[in-house]
Amino acid sequence: MGNFISLYKIMGTMKERIDSCINEWKRRLIDLTRRNRLIYFVPKRSSSLQIVEPTPSEVFNRFVIEEKALRCFIPEEDDESNETPIQSDFLLGDLEEQPKSKGKRSRRSDEIICKVQETKVLRSVLRNLERRSRSDFEERGVRILHLAFGILEWQEVEQSELIRSPLLLVPVEIKRKSVLDPYEIWPTDEEIVINPALEVRLRNDFRIDLPAIPEDWEGIDLTNYLQKIIKLANKRGWSVFQECWIGLFSFHKLVIYQDLNAHNELIKNHPIIIDGLVKSQAANFGKIWLPKLSR
């Protein structure tokens, strides 16, 4: 009987250590600080572009549902004008017709117009997005370039600063056939996702679960999906804006974080994990089992 009790205590202690280990893994994996652009989204001029034409819903339908590429309209050197008014001045809840930018040439159906209209600046940003996203994919196999649809504007507490976070992220790649051809944004074979960092933050801090992504987007359009989030946001006095951005967002570590959450019990009871703990000394357990997550 005494041996049984001792074994029970040992197993209980091991599970506590495994819990501690998993929590440390999760802490290292997720970044909820101001450095994380998935939560504190502040557009950078060198790596973010807002699409102002066509509307976010039209961009979503063409790119996600129809799986067609988008061309980036770049004004001619002598055709530059002031920047196009930002569409995000309109709440999605209003759903009113939004103004179209004025240009000397009509936009083609496969083209997008960005808020940035200075030719040299626009070319520089697109070139930077293409190079950085291609480099990350070739070196790490990770897609960091995304189209972001919808912006949640929220607060941690009342009277605190407003935080802007993208909602839906669509992995994309940007390329062009030659230096004389326009930049094009192409779909990839990776799935559209809800902003994983925002999802974790809202669940942990506010017990809010964002609506699941539909299996078939043809059955529910972008506006209808965002309306579900509007209902949740309104209860808190938050806002949802209909915006579309192309930018660099990295969250591959968050996938591991979500796996740890989903398979917590399986990990704690896995014989290899338990065996490794039994064979290791308590003082060295963290060093043996905690992976290096700095990259």
C-alpha atoms as a PDB file:
ATOM      1  CA  MET A   1       0.000   0.000   0.000  1.00  0.00           C
ATOM      2  CA  GLY A   2       2.836   2.343   0.908  1.00  0.00           C
ATOM      3  CA  ASN A   3       4.567   1.672  -2.395  1.00  0.00           C
ATOM      4  CA  PHE A   4       1.329   2.406  -4.241  1.00  0.00           C
ATOM      5  CA  ILE A   5       0.942   5.766  -2.468  1.00  0.00           C
ATOM      6  CA  SER A   6       4.587   6.648  -3.185  1.00  0.00           C
ATOM      7  CA  LEU A   7       4.141   5.784  -6.862  1.00  0.00           C
ATOM      8  CA  TYR A   8       0.954   7.869  -6.973  1.00  0.00           C
ATOM      9  CA  LYS A   9       2.809  10.845  -5.497  1.00  0.00           C
ATOM     10  CA  ILE A  10       5.656  10.418  -7.975  1.00  0.00           C
ATOM     11  CA  MET A  11       3.245  10.332 -10.912  1.00  0.00           C
ATOM     12  CA  GLY A  12       1.484  13.406  -9.569  1.00  0.00           C
ATOM     13  CA  THR A  13       4.791  15.243  -9.224  1.00  0.00           C
ATOM     14  CA  MET A  14       5.815  14.244 -12.742  1.00  0.00           C
ATOM     15  CA  LYS A  15       2.586  15.594 -14.200  1.00  0.00           C
ATOM     16  CA  GLU A  16       3.103  18.835 -12.324  1.00  0.00           C
ATOM     17  CA  ARG A  17       6.564  19.106 -13.848  1.00  0.00           C
ATOM     18  CA  ILE A  18       5.230  18.318 -17.294  1.00  0.00           C
ATOM     19  CA  ASP A  19       2.547  20.999 -16.812  1.00  0.00           C
ATOM     20  CA  SER A  20       5.250  23.436 -15.826  1.00  0.00           C
ATOM     21  CA  CYS A  21       7.288  22.458 -18.856  1.00  0.00           C
ATOM     22  CA  ILE A  22       4.344  22.885 -21.244  1.00  0.00           C
ATOM     23  CA  ASN A  23       3.528  26.289 -19.760  1.00  0.00           C
ATOM     24  CA  GLU A  24       7.123  27.365 -20.292  1.00  0.00           C
ATOM     25  CA  TRP A  25       7.006  26.159 -23.883  1.00  0.00           C
ATOM     26  CA  LYS A  26       3.847  28.169 -24.449  1.00  0.00           C
ATOM     27  CA  ARG A  27       5.329  31.263 -22.821  1.00  0.00           C
ATOM     28  CA  ARG A  28       8.302  31.128 -25.167  1.00  0.00           C
ATOM     29  CA  LEU A  29       6.158  30.492 -28.226  1.00  0.00           C
ATOM     30  CA  ILE A  30       3.708  33.354 -27.986  1.00  0.00           C
ATOM     31  CA  ASP A  31       4.417  37.050 -28.026  1.00  0.00           C
ATOM     32  CA  LEU A  32       1.542  39.224 -26.845  1.00  0.00           C
ATOM     33  CA  THR A  33       3.652  42.341 -26.374  1.00  0.00           C
ATOM     34  CA  ARG A  34       3.635  45.523 -28.445  1.00  0.00           C
ATOM     35  CA  ARG A  35       6.261  44.005 -30.717  1.00  0.00           C
ATOM     36  CA  ASN A  36       3.642  41.691 -32.182  1.00  0.00           C
ATOM     37  CA  ARG A  37       2.049  43.366 -35.210  1.00  0.00           C
ATOM     38  CA  LEU A  38      -0.708  40.761 -35.217  1.00  0.00           C
ATOM     39  CA  ILE A  39      -2.098  42.451 -32.104  1.00  0.00           C
ATOM     40  CA  TYR A  40      -0.665  45.964 -32.178  1.00  0.00           C
ATOM     41  CA  PHE A  41      -0.948  46.638 -35.892  1.00  0.00           C
ATOM     42  CA  VAL A  42       0.785  49.885 -36.797  1.00  0.00           C
ATOM     43  CA  PRO A  43       1.380  49.990 -40.566  1.00  0.00           C
ATOM     44  CA  LYS A  44       4.993  50.422 -41.592  1.00  0.00           C
ATOM     45  CA  ARG A  45       5.551  52.488 -44.696  1.00  0.00           C
ATOM     46  CA  SER A  46       8.197  50.083 -45.960  1.00  0.00           C
ATOM     47  CA  SER A  47       6.228  46.855 -45.514  1.00  0.00           C
ATOM     48  CA  SER A  48       2.482  47.595 -45.480  1.00  0.00           C
ATOM     49  CA  LEU A  49       0.080  48.695 -48.177  1.00  0.00           C
ATOM     50  CA  GLN A  50      -3.605  49.399 -47.827  1.00  0.00           C
ATOM     51  CA  ILE A  51      -5.781  48.445 -50.779  1.00  0.00           C
ATOM     52  CA  VAL A  52      -8.442  51.101 -51.427  1.00  0.00           C
ATOM     53  CA  GLU A  53      -9.898  49.795 -54.693  1.00  0.00           C
ATOM     54  CA  PRO A  54     -11.806  47.620 -55.194  1.00  0.00           C
ATOM     55  CA  THR A  55     -13.657  47.117 -51.905  1.00  0.00           C
ATOM     56  CA  PRO A  56     -12.364  44.489 -49.458  1.00  0.00           C
ATOM     57  CA  SER A  57     -15.337  42.259 -50.296  1.00  0.00           C
ATOM     58  CA  GLU A  58     -14.564  42.440 -54.011  1.00  0.00           C
ATOM     59  CA  VAL A  59     -10.883  41.703 -53.384  1.00  0.00           C
ATOM     60  CA  PHE A  60     -11.851  38.758 -51.163  1.00  0.00           C
ATOM     61  CA  ASN A  61     -14.273  37.320 -53.715  1.00  0.00           C
ATOM     62  CA  ARG A  62     -11.804  37.517 -56.585  1.00  0.00           C
ATOM     63  CA  PHE A  63      -8.792  36.291 -54.634  1.00  0.00           C
ATOM     64  CA  VAL A  64     -10.183  33.763 -52.126  1.00  0.00           C
ATOM     65  CA  ILE A  65     -13.327  32.456 -53.791  1.00  0.00           C
ATOM     66  CA  GLU A  66     -12.405  32.726 -57.474  1.00  0.00           C
ATOM     67  CA  GLU A  67      -8.674  32.110 -56.755  1.00  0.00           C
ATOM     68  CA  LYS A  68      -7.567  34.702 -59.296  1.00  0.00           C
ATOM     69  CA  ALA A  69      -4.417  36.784 -59.106  1.00  0.00           C
ATOM     70  CA  LEU A  70      -4.423  40.540 -58.522  1.00  0.00           C
ATOM     71  CA  ARG A  71      -2.299  43.071 -60.352  1.00  0.00           C
ATOM     72  CA  CYS A  72      -0.892  46.072 -58.512  1.00  0.00           C
ATOM     73  CA  PHE A  73      -1.721  49.285 -60.311  1.00  0.00           C
ATOM     74  CA  ILE A  74       1.257  51.649 -60.320  1.00  0.00           C
ATOM     75  CA  PRO A  75       0.692  55.202 -61.648  1.00  0.00           C
ATOM     76  CA  GLU A  76       2.964  56.488 -64.358  1.00  0.00           C
ATOM     77  CA  GLU A  77       5.647  58.902 -63.232  1.00  0.00           C
ATOM     78  CA  ASP A  78       3.745  61.878 -64.631  1.00  0.00           C
ATOM     79  CA  ASP A  79       0.389  60.586 -63.414  1.00  0.00           C
ATOM     80  CA  GLU A  80       0.934  60.925 -59.671  1.00  0.00           C
ATOM     81  CA  SER A  81      -1.696  62.580 -57.536  1.00  0.00           C
ATOM     82  CA  ASN A  82      -2.522  62.934 -53.891  1.00  0.00           C
ATOM     83  CA  GLU A  83      -3.087  59.773 -51.928  1.00  0.00           C
ATOM     84  CA  THR A  84      -6.468  58.137 -52.231  1.00  0.00           C
ATOM     85  CA  PRO A  85      -8.813  58.719 -49.260  1.00  0.00           C
ATOM     86  CA  ILE A  86      -8.694  55.772 -46.909  1.00  0.00           C
ATOM     87  CA  GLN A  87     -11.715  53.475 -47.013  1.00  0.00           C
ATOM     88  CA  SER A  88     -11.404  52.584 -43.358  1.00  0.00           C
ATOM     89  CA  ASP A  89     -13.046  55.892 -42.430  1.00  0.00           C
ATOM     90  CA  PHE A  90     -16.233  53.868 -42.837  1.00  0.00           C
ATOM     91  CA  LEU A  91     -17.397  51.318 -40.314  1.00  0.00           C
ATOM     92  CA  LEU A  92     -18.360  47.990 -41.770  1.00  0.00           C
ATOM     93  CA  GLY A  93     -21.632  48.257 -39.881  1.00  0.00           C
ATOM     94  CA  ASP A  94     -22.661  51.201 -42.035  1.00  0.00           C
ATOM     95  CA  LEU A  95     -22.252  49.161 -45.222  1.00  0.00           C
ATOM     96  CA  GLU A  96     -22.683  52.270 -47.332  1.00  0.00           C
ATOM     97  CA  GLU A  97     -21.226  52.688 -50.781  1.00  0.00           C
ATOM     98  CA  GLN A  98     -17.706  53.908 -50.323  1.00  0.00           C
ATOM     99  CA  PRO A  99     -16.014  56.540 -52.486  1.00  0.00           C
ATOM    100  CA  LYS A 100     -13.765  55.469 -55.284  1.00  0.00           C
ATOM    101  CA  SER A 101     -10.432  57.123 -55.873  1.00  0.00           C
ATOM    102  CA  LYS A 102     -10.022  59.421 -58.813  1.00  0.00           C
ATOM    103  CA  GLY A 103      -7.455  58.551 -61.423  1.00  0.00           C
ATOM    104  CA  LYS A 104      -6.689  59.378 -65.043  1.00  0.00           C
ATOM    105  CA  ARG A 105      -7.031  55.742 -66.120  1.00  0.00           C
ATOM    106  CA  SER A 106      -9.866  53.438 -65.191  1.00  0.00           C
ATOM    107  CA  ARG A 107      -8.926  50.495 -63.032  1.00  0.00           C
ATOM    108  CA  ARG A 108      -8.990  47.129 -64.750  1.00  0.00           C
ATOM    109  CA  SER A 109     -11.019  44.355 -63.156  1.00  0.00           C
ATOM    110  CA  ASP A 110      -7.890  42.431 -62.137  1.00  0.00           C
ATOM    111  CA  GLU A 111      -6.112  45.455 -60.656  1.00  0.00           C
ATOM    112  CA  ILE A 112      -5.903  46.793 -57.129  1.00  0.00           C
ATOM    113  CA  ILE A 113      -5.171  50.391 -56.192  1.00  0.00           C
ATOM    114  CA  CYS A 114      -3.214  51.128 -53.043  1.00  0.00           C
ATOM    115  CA  LYS A 115      -3.520  54.165 -50.828  1.00  0.00           C
ATOM    116  CA  VAL A 116       0.117  54.962 -51.536  1.00  0.00           C
ATOM    117  CA  GLN A 117       0.160  56.591 -54.967  1.00  0.00           C
ATOM    118  CA  GLU A 118       3.730  57.871 -55.266  1.00  0.00           C
ATOM    119  CA  THR A 119       5.217  55.711 -58.001  1.00  0.00           C
ATOM    120  CA  LYS A 120       8.726  55.379 -56.583  1.00  0.00           C
ATOM    121  CA  VAL A 121       7.504  54.679 -53.049  1.00  0.00           C
ATOM    122  CA  LEU A 122       4.968  52.108 -54.238  1.00  0.00           C
ATOM    123  CA  ARG A 123       7.545  50.274 -56.344  1.00  0.00           C
ATOM    124  CA  SER A 124       9.976  50.281 -53.422  1.00  0.00           C
ATOM    125  CA  VAL A 125       7.428  48.809 -50.994  1.00  0.00           C
ATOM    126  CA  LEU A 126       6.334  46.109 -53.447  1.00  0.00           C
ATOM    127  CA  ARG A 127       9.940  45.195 -54.146  1.00  0.00           C
ATOM    128  CA  ASN A 128      10.634  44.973 -50.404  1.00  0.00           C
ATOM    129  CA  LEU A 129       7.575  42.778 -49.820  1.00  0.00           C
ATOM    130  CA  GLU A 130       8.551  40.482 -52.671  1.00  0.00           C
ATOM    131  CA  ARG A 131      12.165  40.090 -51.540  1.00  0.00           C
ATOM    132  CA  ARG A 132      11.491  39.599 -47.835  1.00  0.00           C
ATOM    133  CA  SER A 133       8.633  37.155 -48.295  1.00  0.00           C
ATOM    134  CA  ARG A 134      10.538  35.121 -50.899  1.00  0.00           C
ATOM    135  CA  SER A 135      13.640  35.007 -48.702  1.00  0.00           C
ATOM    136  CA  ASP A 136      11.702  33.742 -45.673  1.00  0.00           C
ATOM    137  CA  PHE A 137       9.932  31.099 -47.713  1.00  0.00           C
ATOM    138  CA  GLU A 138      13.142  29.842 -49.335  1.00  0.00           C
ATOM    139  CA  GLU A 139      15.096  29.779 -46.060  1.00  0.00           C
ATOM    140  CA  ARG A 140      12.431  28.605 -43.592  1.00  0.00           C
ATOM    141  CA  GLY A 141       9.507  27.428 -45.687  1.00  0.00           C
ATOM    142  CA  VAL A 142       7.274  29.986 -43.944  1.00  0.00           C
ATOM    143  CA  ARG A 143       4.764  32.308 -45.601  1.00  0.00           C
ATOM    144  CA  ILE A 144       4.955  35.723 -43.957  1.00  0.00           C
ATOM    145  CA  LEU A 145       3.199  37.771 -46.663  1.00  0.00           C
ATOM    146  CA  HIS A 146      -0.563  38.023 -46.172  1.00  0.00           C
ATOM    147  CA  LEU A 147      -3.649  39.837 -47.277  1.00  0.00           C
ATOM    148  CA  ALA A 148      -5.413  41.007 -44.122  1.00  0.00           C
ATOM    149  CA  PHE A 149      -9.182  41.492 -44.194  1.00  0.00           C
ATOM    150  CA  GLY A 150     -11.031  43.417 -41.501  1.00  0.00           C
ATOM    151  CA  ILE A 151      -9.598  45.383 -38.588  1.00  0.00           C
ATOM    152  CA  LEU A 152     -10.817  45.043 -34.998  1.00  0.00           C
ATOM    153  CA  GLU A 153     -10.386  48.246 -33.022  1.00  0.00           C
ATOM    154  CA  TRP A 154     -10.518  47.403 -29.329  1.00  0.00           C
ATOM    155  CA  GLN A 155      -9.326  48.366 -25.844  1.00  0.00           C
ATOM    156  CA  GLU A 156      -7.783  46.403 -23.014  1.00  0.00           C
ATOM    157  CA  VAL A 157      -9.798  48.434 -20.490  1.00  0.00           C
ATOM    158  CA  GLU A 158     -12.167  51.380 -20.802  1.00  0.00           C
ATOM    159  CA  GLN A 159     -10.504  54.730 -21.453  1.00  0.00           C
ATOM    160  CA  SER A 160      -7.266  53.018 -22.533  1.00  0.00           C
ATOM    161  CA  GLU A 161      -5.670  53.469 -25.950  1.00  0.00           C
ATOM    162  CA  LEU A 162      -7.306  51.961 -29.010  1.00  0.00           C
ATOM    163  CA  ILE A 163      -5.609  48.853 -30.392  1.00  0.00           C
ATOM    164  CA  ARG A 164      -6.006  47.818 -34.031  1.00  0.00           C
ATOM    165  CA  SER A 165      -5.643  44.157 -34.988  1.00  0.00           C
ATOM    166  CA  PRO A 166      -6.220  42.402 -38.340  1.00  0.00           C
ATOM    167  CA  LEU A 167      -8.878  39.681 -38.320  1.00  0.00           C
ATOM    168  CA  LEU A 168      -8.512  37.354 -41.315  1.00  0.00           C
ATOM    169  CA  LEU A 169      -5.140  36.510 -42.854  1.00  0.00           C
ATOM    170  CA  VAL A 170      -4.709  35.015 -46.313  1.00  0.00           C
ATOM    171  CA  PRO A 171      -1.196  33.747 -47.216  1.00  0.00           C
ATOM    172  CA  VAL A 172      -0.067  35.134 -50.575  1.00  0.00           C
ATOM    173  CA  GLU A 173       2.994  35.479 -52.742  1.00  0.00           C
ATOM    174  CA  ILE A 174       3.964  38.454 -54.831  1.00  0.00           C
ATOM    175  CA  LYS A 175       5.922  38.177 -58.049  1.00  0.00           C
ATOM    176  CA  ARG A 176       6.407  39.573 -61.519  1.00  0.00           C
ATOM    177  CA  LYS A 177       7.559  37.989 -64.758  1.00  0.00           C
ATOM    178  CA  SER A 178      10.160  40.647 -65.501  1.00  0.00           C
ATOM    179  CA  VAL A 179      11.212  44.109 -64.363  1.00  0.00           C
ATOM    180  CA  LEU A 180       8.951  45.532 -67.061  1.00  0.00           C
ATOM    181  CA  ASP A 181       5.864  43.636 -65.896  1.00  0.00           C
ATOM    182  CA  PRO A 182       3.562  44.672 -63.033  1.00  0.00           C
ATOM    183  CA  TYR A 183       3.723  43.045 -59.621  1.00  0.00           C
ATOM    184  CA  GLU A 184       1.059  40.391 -59.129  1.00  0.00           C
ATOM    185  CA  ILE A 185      -0.369  38.898 -55.936  1.00  0.00           C
ATOM    186  CA  TRP A 186      -1.037  35.185 -56.194  1.00  0.00           C
ATOM    187  CA  PRO A 187      -2.904  32.720 -53.945  1.00  0.00           C
ATOM    188  CA  THR A 188      -0.919  29.937 -52.291  1.00  0.00           C
ATOM    189  CA  ASP A 189      -1.951  26.432 -51.279  1.00  0.00           C
ATOM    190  CA  GLU A 190      -2.136  27.464 -47.603  1.00  0.00           C
ATOM    191  CA  GLU A 191      -5.392  28.053 -45.746  1.00  0.00           C
ATOM    192  CA  ILE A 192      -6.937  31.343 -44.713  1.00  0.00           C
ATOM    193  CA  VAL A 193      -6.732  31.756 -40.922  1.00  0.00           C
ATOM    194  CA  ILE A 194      -8.154  33.863 -38.128  1.00  0.00           C
ATOM    195  CA  ASN A 195      -5.453  36.054 -36.606  1.00  0.00           C
ATOM    196  CA  PRO A 196      -4.040  33.464 -34.149  1.00  0.00           C
ATOM    197  CA  ALA A 197      -2.440  35.950 -31.751  1.00  0.00           C
ATOM    198  CA  LEU A 198      -5.624  37.992 -31.493  1.00  0.00           C
ATOM    199  CA  GLU A 199      -7.624  34.807 -31.035  1.00  0.00           C
ATOM    200  CA  VAL A 200      -5.445  33.780 -28.077  1.00  0.00           C
ATOM    201  CA  ARG A 201      -5.529  37.275 -26.564  1.00  0.00           C
ATOM    202  CA  LEU A 202      -9.314  37.623 -26.755  1.00  0.00           C
ATOM    203  CA  ARG A 203      -9.886  34.148 -25.358  1.00  0.00           C
ATOM    204  CA  ASN A 204      -7.428  34.543 -22.485  1.00  0.00           C
ATOM    205  CA  ASP A 205      -8.307  38.098 -21.481  1.00  0.00           C
ATOM    206  CA  PHE A 206     -11.998  38.427 -22.377  1.00  0.00           C
ATOM    207  CA  ARG A 207     -13.261  34.855 -22.857  1.00  0.00           C
ATOM    208  CA  ILE A 208     -14.286  35.788 -26.380  1.00  0.00           C
ATOM    209  CA  ASP A 209     -14.180  33.141 -29.098  1.00  0.00           C
ATOM    210  CA  LEU A 210     -14.064  34.499 -32.623  1.00  0.00           C
ATOM    211  CA  PRO A 211     -16.382  32.755 -35.106  1.00  0.00           C
ATOM    212  CA  ALA A 212     -14.889  29.744 -36.844  1.00  0.00           C
ATOM    213  CA  ILE A 213     -13.869  30.109 -40.468  1.00  0.00           C
ATOM    214  CA  PRO A 214     -16.493  28.559 -42.762  1.00  0.00           C
ATOM    215  CA  GLU A 215     -15.532  25.472 -44.706  1.00  0.00           C
ATOM    216  CA  ASP A 216     -16.982  26.959 -47.873  1.00  0.00           C
ATOM    217  CA  TRP A 217     -16.651  30.713 -48.415  1.00  0.00           C
ATOM    218  CA  GLU A 218     -19.092  30.567 -51.303  1.00  0.00           C
ATOM    219  CA  GLY A 219     -21.845  29.963 -48.777  1.00  0.00           C
ATOM    220  CA  ILE A 220     -21.002  33.034 -46.690  1.00  0.00           C
ATOM    221  CA  ASP A 221     -19.283  36.163 -47.973  1.00  0.00           C
ATOM    222  CA  LEU A 222     -16.743  38.300 -46.148  1.00  0.00           C
ATOM    223  CA  THR A 223     -19.291  40.902 -45.050  1.00  0.00           C
ATOM    224  CA  ASN A 224     -21.570  38.296 -43.457  1.00  0.00           C
ATOM    225  CA  TYR A 225     -18.653  36.732 -41.620  1.00  0.00           C
ATOM    226  CA  LEU A 226     -17.460  40.077 -40.272  1.00  0.00           C
ATOM    227  CA  GLN A 227     -21.001  40.881 -39.172  1.00  0.00           C
ATOM    228  CA  LYS A 228     -20.702  38.032 -36.670  1.00  0.00           C
ATOM    229  CA  ILE A 229     -17.628  39.684 -35.211  1.00  0.00           C
ATOM    230  CA  ILE A 230     -19.433  43.043 -35.158  1.00  0.00           C
ATOM    231  CA  LYS A 231     -22.067  41.557 -32.850  1.00  0.00           C
ATOM    232  CA  LEU A 232     -19.348  40.421 -30.438  1.00  0.00           C
ATOM    233  CA  ALA A 233     -17.512  43.736 -30.718  1.00  0.00           C
ATOM    234  CA  ASN A 234     -20.616  45.836 -30.078  1.00  0.00           C
ATOM    235  CA  LYS A 235     -21.097  44.227 -26.678  1.00  0.00           C
ATOM    236  CA  ARG A 236     -17.752  45.675 -25.633  1.00  0.00           C
ATOM    237  CA  GLY A 237     -18.055  49.003 -27.389  1.00  0.00           C
ATOM    238  CA  TRP A 238     -15.439  47.981 -29.945  1.00  0.00           C
ATOM    239  CA  SER A 239     -15.522  48.524 -33.708  1.00  0.00           C
ATOM    240  CA  VAL A 240     -14.857  46.520 -36.852  1.00  0.00           C
ATOM    241  CA  PHE A 241     -13.577  48.328 -39.921  1.00  0.00           C
ATOM    242  CA  GLN A 242     -13.733  47.095 -43.463  1.00  0.00           C
ATOM    243  CA  GLU A 243     -10.125  47.364 -44.553  1.00  0.00           C
ATOM    244  CA  CYS A 244      -7.787  45.315 -46.691  1.00  0.00           C
ATOM    245  CA  TRP A 245      -4.012  45.364 -46.233  1.00  0.00           C
ATOM    246  CA  ILE A 246      -1.075  43.519 -47.698  1.00  0.00           C
ATOM    247  CA  GLY A 247       1.805  43.133 -45.287  1.00  0.00           C
ATOM    248  CA  LEU A 248       4.261  40.908 -43.455  1.00  0.00           C
ATOM    249  CA  PHE A 249       2.857  38.895 -40.544  1.00  0.00           C
ATOM    250  CA  SER A 250       4.738  35.999 -38.965  1.00  0.00           C
ATOM    251  CA  PHE A 251       2.981  33.568 -36.629  1.00  0.00           C
ATOM    252  CA  HIS A 252       4.348  30.080 -37.338  1.00  0.00           C
ATOM    253  CA  LYS A 253       5.172  29.595 -33.637  1.00  0.00           C
ATOM    254  CA  LEU A 254       1.538  30.172 -32.730  1.00  0.00           C
ATOM    255  CA  VAL A 255       0.593  27.002 -34.601  1.00  0.00           C
ATOM    256  CA  ILE A 256       2.761  25.044 -32.148  1.00  0.00           C
ATOM    257  CA  TYR A 257       1.150  26.955 -29.267  1.00  0.00           C
ATOM    258  CA  GLN A 258      -2.306  25.907 -30.444  1.00  0.00           C
ATOM    259  CA  ASP A 259      -1.178  22.284 -30.804  1.00  0.00           C
ATOM    260  CA  LEU A 260       0.107  22.310 -27.223  1.00  0.00           C
ATOM    261  CA  ASN A 261      -3.261  23.585 -26.043  1.00  0.00           C
ATOM    262  CA  ALA A 262      -5.246  21.104 -28.104  1.00  0.00           C
ATOM    263  CA  HIS A 263      -3.154  18.060 -27.099  1.00  0.00           C
ATOM    264  CA  ASN A 264      -2.291  18.986 -23.524  1.00  0.00           C
ATOM    265  CA  GLU A 265      -3.576  15.748 -21.954  1.00  0.00           C
ATOM    266  CA  LEU A 266      -2.017  13.590 -24.660  1.00  0.00           C
ATOM    267  CA  ILE A 267       1.386  15.186 -24.039  1.00  0.00           C
ATOM    268  CA  LYS A 268       1.156  14.824 -20.259  1.00  0.00           C
ATOM    269  CA  ASN A 269       0.349  11.122 -20.517  1.00  0.00           C
ATOM    270  CA  HIS A 270       2.633  10.204 -23.389  1.00  0.00           C
ATOM    271  CA  PRO A 271       5.013   7.369 -22.361  1.00  0.00           C
ATOM    272  CA  ILE A 272       8.036   8.955 -24.066  1.00  0.00           C
ATOM    273  CA  ILE A 273       7.519  12.229 -22.194  1.00  0.00           C
ATOM    274  CA  ILE A 274       7.059  10.420 -18.880  1.00  0.00           C
ATOM    275  CA  ASP A 275      10.017   8.140 -19.517  1.00  0.00           C
ATOM    276  CA  GLY A 276      12.212  11.110 -20.321  1.00  0.00           C
ATOM    277  CA  LEU A 277      11.208  12.793 -17.104  1.00  0.00           C
ATOM    278  CA  VAL A 278      11.860   9.709 -15.018  1.00  0.00           C
ATOM    279  CA  LYS A 279      15.364   9.336 -16.441  1.00  0.00           C
ATOM    280  CA  SER A 280      16.270  12.982 -16.083  1.00  0.00           C
ATOM    281  CA  GLN A 281      17.159  14.793 -12.951  1.00  0.00           C
ATOM    282  CA  ALA A 282      14.771  17.458 -11.812  1.00  0.00           C
ATOM    283  CA  ALA A 283      17.437  20.133 -12.004  1.00  0.00           C
ATOM    284  CA  ASN A 284      18.142  19.414 -15.647  1.00  0.00           C
ATOM    285  CA  PHE A 285      14.604  18.668 -16.786  1.00  0.00           C
ATOM    286  CA  GLY A 286      13.950  22.106 -18.207  1.00  0.00           C
ATOM    287  CA  LYS A 287      17.203  22.084 -20.146  1.00  0.00           C
ATOM    288  CA  ILE A 288      16.494  18.675 -21.644  1.00  0.00           C
ATOM    289  CA  TRP A 289      12.882  19.216 -22.578  1.00  0.00           C
ATOM    290  CA  LEU A 290      12.605  22.901 -23.394  1.00  0.00           C
ATOM    291  CA  PRO A 291      13.450  23.500 -27.065  1.00  0.00           C
ATOM    292  CA  LYS A 292      15.265  26.573 -28.270  1.00  0.00           C
ATOM    293  CA  LEU A 293      12.500  28.788 -29.619  1.00  0.00           C
ATOM    294  CA  SER A 294      14.449  31.932 -30.370  1.00  0.00           C
ATOM    295  CA  ARG A 295      14.178  31.569 -34.136  1.00  0.00           C
END
